[in-house]
């Protein structure tokens, strides 16, 4: 799998510990504020932000649609549309789409291992490609 992160060289990874180390180093206001993990089939997971404000998206094998993760049990105390400002740009999101880094790591691990994504996380189409 190919691991890419802002201001870092892309690297092929065979061990999840490398992925986790990069994810734990993400900061929305820092030098590295987004990362992605892509399989050879074109499917991917990508995250922007860091620590307690992460936006997670995925594209499944065979789909051109990009889905955004959301939490069934919302962690954010805010109401209405929020904006995450980071190296990936200004990303508008709903309060239920704000994940903590541990949520993101669990999803990246599931993607890496070929497991089901955690049941506390749902997915909705964010970008519909026809």
C-alpha atoms as a PDB file:
ATOM      1  CA  UNK A   1       0.000   0.000   0.000  1.00  0.00           C
ATOM      2  CA  UNK A   2       1.069   3.548  -0.627  1.00  0.00           C
ATOM      3  CA  UNK A   3       1.152   5.950   2.321  1.00  0.00           C
ATOM      4  CA  UNK A   4       1.191   9.637   1.423  1.00  0.00           C
ATOM      5  CA  UNK A   5       1.274  12.574   3.829  1.00  0.00           C
ATOM      6  CA  UNK A   6       1.683  16.310   3.484  1.00  0.00           C
ATOM      7  CA  UNK A   7       5.364  17.348   3.302  1.00  0.00           C
ATOM      8  CA  UNK A   8       6.574  13.730   3.381  1.00  0.00           C
ATOM      9  CA  UNK A   9       7.791  11.450   0.614  1.00  0.00           C
ATOM     10  CA  UNK A  10       5.285   8.750  -0.424  1.00  0.00           C
ATOM     11  CA  UNK A  11       6.264   5.346   0.933  1.00  0.00           C
ATOM     12  CA  UNK A  12       5.139   1.767   0.315  1.00  0.00           C
ATOM     13  CA  UNK A  13       4.184   0.262   3.663  1.00  0.00           C
ATOM     14  CA  UNK A  14       4.079  -3.354   4.758  1.00  0.00           C
ATOM     15  CA  UNK A  15       3.713  -2.721   8.504  1.00  0.00           C
ATOM     16  CA  UNK A  16       0.872  -0.761  10.103  1.00  0.00           C
ATOM     17  CA  UNK A  17       3.146   0.791  12.753  1.00  0.00           C
ATOM     18  CA  UNK A  18       4.516   3.178  10.088  1.00  0.00           C
ATOM     19  CA  UNK A  19       0.989   4.279   9.195  1.00  0.00           C
ATOM     20  CA  UNK A  20       0.020   4.791  12.839  1.00  0.00           C
ATOM     21  CA  UNK A  21       3.141   6.855  13.527  1.00  0.00           C
ATOM     22  CA  UNK A  22       2.287   9.225  10.644  1.00  0.00           C
ATOM     23  CA  UNK A  23      -1.356   9.498  11.737  1.00  0.00           C
ATOM     24  CA  UNK A  24      -0.436  10.287  15.347  1.00  0.00           C
ATOM     25  CA  UNK A  25       1.837  13.071  14.051  1.00  0.00           C
ATOM     26  CA  UNK A  26      -0.960  14.860  12.169  1.00  0.00           C
ATOM     27  CA  UNK A  27      -1.955  18.336  13.356  1.00  0.00           C
ATOM     28  CA  UNK A  28      -4.448  20.564  11.565  1.00  0.00           C
ATOM     29  CA  UNK A  29      -2.229  23.583  12.233  1.00  0.00           C
ATOM     30  CA  UNK A  30       1.077  21.776  11.672  1.00  0.00           C
ATOM     31  CA  UNK A  31       3.501  20.849   8.939  1.00  0.00           C
ATOM     32  CA  UNK A  32       1.661  17.570   8.264  1.00  0.00           C
ATOM     33  CA  UNK A  33      -2.130  17.919   8.332  1.00  0.00           C
ATOM     34  CA  UNK A  34      -3.375  15.250   5.922  1.00  0.00           C
ATOM     35  CA  UNK A  35      -2.551  11.701   4.866  1.00  0.00           C
ATOM     36  CA  UNK A  36      -3.866   8.900   2.681  1.00  0.00           C
ATOM     37  CA  UNK A  37      -3.410   5.171   2.284  1.00  0.00           C
ATOM     38  CA  UNK A  38      -4.079   3.705  -1.171  1.00  0.00           C
ATOM     39  CA  UNK A  39      -4.324   0.089  -2.304  1.00  0.00           C
ATOM     40  CA  UNK A  40      -3.200  -1.065  -5.750  1.00  0.00           C
ATOM     41  CA  UNK A  41      -6.878  -1.396  -6.776  1.00  0.00           C
ATOM     42  CA  UNK A  42      -7.355   2.392  -6.338  1.00  0.00           C
ATOM     43  CA  UNK A  43      -9.362   2.217  -3.109  1.00  0.00           C
ATOM     44  CA  UNK A  44      -8.210   4.591  -0.381  1.00  0.00           C
ATOM     45  CA  UNK A  45      -8.784   6.180   2.982  1.00  0.00           C
ATOM     46  CA  UNK A  46      -7.730   9.768   3.571  1.00  0.00           C
ATOM     47  CA  UNK A  47      -7.745  12.047   6.580  1.00  0.00           C
ATOM     48  CA  UNK A  48      -7.343  15.763   7.145  1.00  0.00           C
ATOM     49  CA  UNK A  49      -6.773  17.424  10.509  1.00  0.00           C
ATOM     50  CA  UNK A  50      -5.395  15.736  13.572  1.00  0.00           C
ATOM     51  CA  UNK A  51      -5.878  14.754  17.197  1.00  0.00           C
ATOM     52  CA  UNK A  52      -9.469  15.746  18.105  1.00  0.00           C
ATOM     53  CA  UNK A  53     -10.576  17.247  14.788  1.00  0.00           C
ATOM     54  CA  UNK A  54     -10.223  14.795  11.912  1.00  0.00           C
ATOM     55  CA  UNK A  55     -12.235  14.423   8.729  1.00  0.00           C
ATOM     56  CA  UNK A  56     -12.045  10.917   7.240  1.00  0.00           C
ATOM     57  CA  UNK A  57     -13.030   9.862   3.733  1.00  0.00           C
ATOM     58  CA  UNK A  58     -12.789   6.687   1.680  1.00  0.00           C
ATOM     59  CA  UNK A  59     -13.293   5.332  -1.804  1.00  0.00           C
ATOM     60  CA  UNK A  60     -14.137   1.654  -2.057  1.00  0.00           C
ATOM     61  CA  UNK A  61     -12.818  -0.684  -4.734  1.00  0.00           C
ATOM     62  CA  UNK A  62     -14.889  -0.356  -7.899  1.00  0.00           C
ATOM     63  CA  UNK A  63     -16.614   2.864  -6.821  1.00  0.00           C
ATOM     64  CA  UNK A  64     -15.935   6.376  -8.026  1.00  0.00           C
ATOM     65  CA  UNK A  65     -17.917   7.930  -5.161  1.00  0.00           C
ATOM     66  CA  UNK A  66     -16.058   9.327  -2.167  1.00  0.00           C
ATOM     67  CA  UNK A  67     -17.700   8.697   1.195  1.00  0.00           C
ATOM     68  CA  UNK A  68     -17.192  10.651   4.393  1.00  0.00           C
ATOM     69  CA  UNK A  69     -17.172   9.022   7.819  1.00  0.00           C
ATOM     70  CA  UNK A  70     -19.554  10.088  10.563  1.00  0.00           C
ATOM     71  CA  UNK A  71     -20.082   9.015  14.153  1.00  0.00           C
ATOM     72  CA  UNK A  72     -23.385   7.612  15.341  1.00  0.00           C
ATOM     73  CA  UNK A  73     -22.461   8.952  18.809  1.00  0.00           C
ATOM     74  CA  UNK A  74     -21.382  12.535  18.065  1.00  0.00           C
ATOM     75  CA  UNK A  75     -18.356  13.793  20.027  1.00  0.00           C
ATOM     76  CA  UNK A  76     -18.555  17.445  18.979  1.00  0.00           C
ATOM     77  CA  UNK A  77     -20.481  19.905  21.180  1.00  0.00           C
ATOM     78  CA  UNK A  78     -21.010  22.232  18.200  1.00  0.00           C
ATOM     79  CA  UNK A  79     -24.136  22.606  16.080  1.00  0.00           C
ATOM     80  CA  UNK A  80     -24.280  23.351  12.368  1.00  0.00           C
ATOM     81  CA  UNK A  81     -21.609  23.338   9.696  1.00  0.00           C
ATOM     82  CA  UNK A  82     -18.014  23.658  10.903  1.00  0.00           C
ATOM     83  CA  UNK A  83     -14.870  24.466   8.915  1.00  0.00           C
ATOM     84  CA  UNK A  84     -11.574  22.656   9.380  1.00  0.00           C
ATOM     85  CA  UNK A  85      -8.678  24.784   8.140  1.00  0.00           C
ATOM     86  CA  UNK A  86      -5.546  22.784   7.319  1.00  0.00           C
ATOM     87  CA  UNK A  87      -3.059  22.103   4.549  1.00  0.00           C
ATOM     88  CA  UNK A  88      -5.790  20.369   2.540  1.00  0.00           C
ATOM     89  CA  UNK A  89      -7.782  23.636   2.494  1.00  0.00           C
ATOM     90  CA  UNK A  90     -10.991  24.772   4.151  1.00  0.00           C
ATOM     91  CA  UNK A  91     -13.102  21.656   4.711  1.00  0.00           C
ATOM     92  CA  UNK A  92     -16.732  22.148   5.682  1.00  0.00           C
ATOM     93  CA  UNK A  93     -18.201  19.348   7.757  1.00  0.00           C
ATOM     94  CA  UNK A  94     -21.090  18.506  10.037  1.00  0.00           C
ATOM     95  CA  UNK A  95     -20.535  17.954  13.785  1.00  0.00           C
ATOM     96  CA  UNK A  96     -21.024  14.178  13.421  1.00  0.00           C
ATOM     97  CA  UNK A  97     -18.176  14.084  10.865  1.00  0.00           C
ATOM     98  CA  UNK A  98     -15.564  15.260  13.372  1.00  0.00           C
ATOM     99  CA  UNK A  99     -13.566  12.220  14.487  1.00  0.00           C
ATOM    100  CA  UNK A 100     -10.765  11.816  17.010  1.00  0.00           C
ATOM    101  CA  UNK A 101      -7.433  10.412  15.850  1.00  0.00           C
ATOM    102  CA  UNK A 102      -8.103   7.063  17.582  1.00  0.00           C
ATOM    103  CA  UNK A 103     -11.259   6.692  15.430  1.00  0.00           C
ATOM    104  CA  UNK A 104      -9.172   7.423  12.334  1.00  0.00           C
ATOM    105  CA  UNK A 105      -6.445   4.962  13.309  1.00  0.00           C
ATOM    106  CA  UNK A 106      -9.052   2.228  13.841  1.00  0.00           C
ATOM    107  CA  UNK A 107     -10.409   2.853  10.331  1.00  0.00           C
ATOM    108  CA  UNK A 108      -6.973   2.995   8.701  1.00  0.00           C
ATOM    109  CA  UNK A 109      -6.064  -0.264  10.501  1.00  0.00           C
ATOM    110  CA  UNK A 110      -9.268  -1.942   9.257  1.00  0.00           C
ATOM    111  CA  UNK A 111      -8.523  -0.761   5.715  1.00  0.00           C
ATOM    112  CA  UNK A 112      -4.908  -1.918   5.968  1.00  0.00           C
ATOM    113  CA  UNK A 113      -5.842  -5.365   7.318  1.00  0.00           C
ATOM    114  CA  UNK A 114      -8.905  -5.861   5.095  1.00  0.00           C
ATOM    115  CA  UNK A 115     -11.255  -5.917   8.099  1.00  0.00           C
ATOM    116  CA  UNK A 116     -14.715  -4.379   8.430  1.00  0.00           C
ATOM    117  CA  UNK A 117     -14.695  -0.759   9.535  1.00  0.00           C
ATOM    118  CA  UNK A 118     -15.672  -0.099  13.173  1.00  0.00           C
ATOM    119  CA  UNK A 119     -19.443  -0.322  13.723  1.00  0.00           C
ATOM    120  CA  UNK A 120     -19.626   3.044  15.511  1.00  0.00           C
ATOM    121  CA  UNK A 121     -18.672   4.769  12.254  1.00  0.00           C
ATOM    122  CA  UNK A 122     -21.081   5.236   9.369  1.00  0.00           C
ATOM    123  CA  UNK A 123     -20.390   6.416   5.827  1.00  0.00           C
ATOM    124  CA  UNK A 124     -22.282   8.809   3.567  1.00  0.00           C
ATOM    125  CA  UNK A 125     -21.611   9.814  -0.007  1.00  0.00           C
ATOM    126  CA  UNK A 126     -19.681  13.071   0.048  1.00  0.00           C
ATOM    127  CA  UNK A 127     -18.749  13.363  -3.627  1.00  0.00           C
ATOM    128  CA  UNK A 128     -20.961  11.614  -6.162  1.00  0.00           C
ATOM    129  CA  UNK A 129     -19.053  10.908  -9.344  1.00  0.00           C
ATOM    130  CA  UNK A 130     -21.122   9.828 -12.329  1.00  0.00           C
END
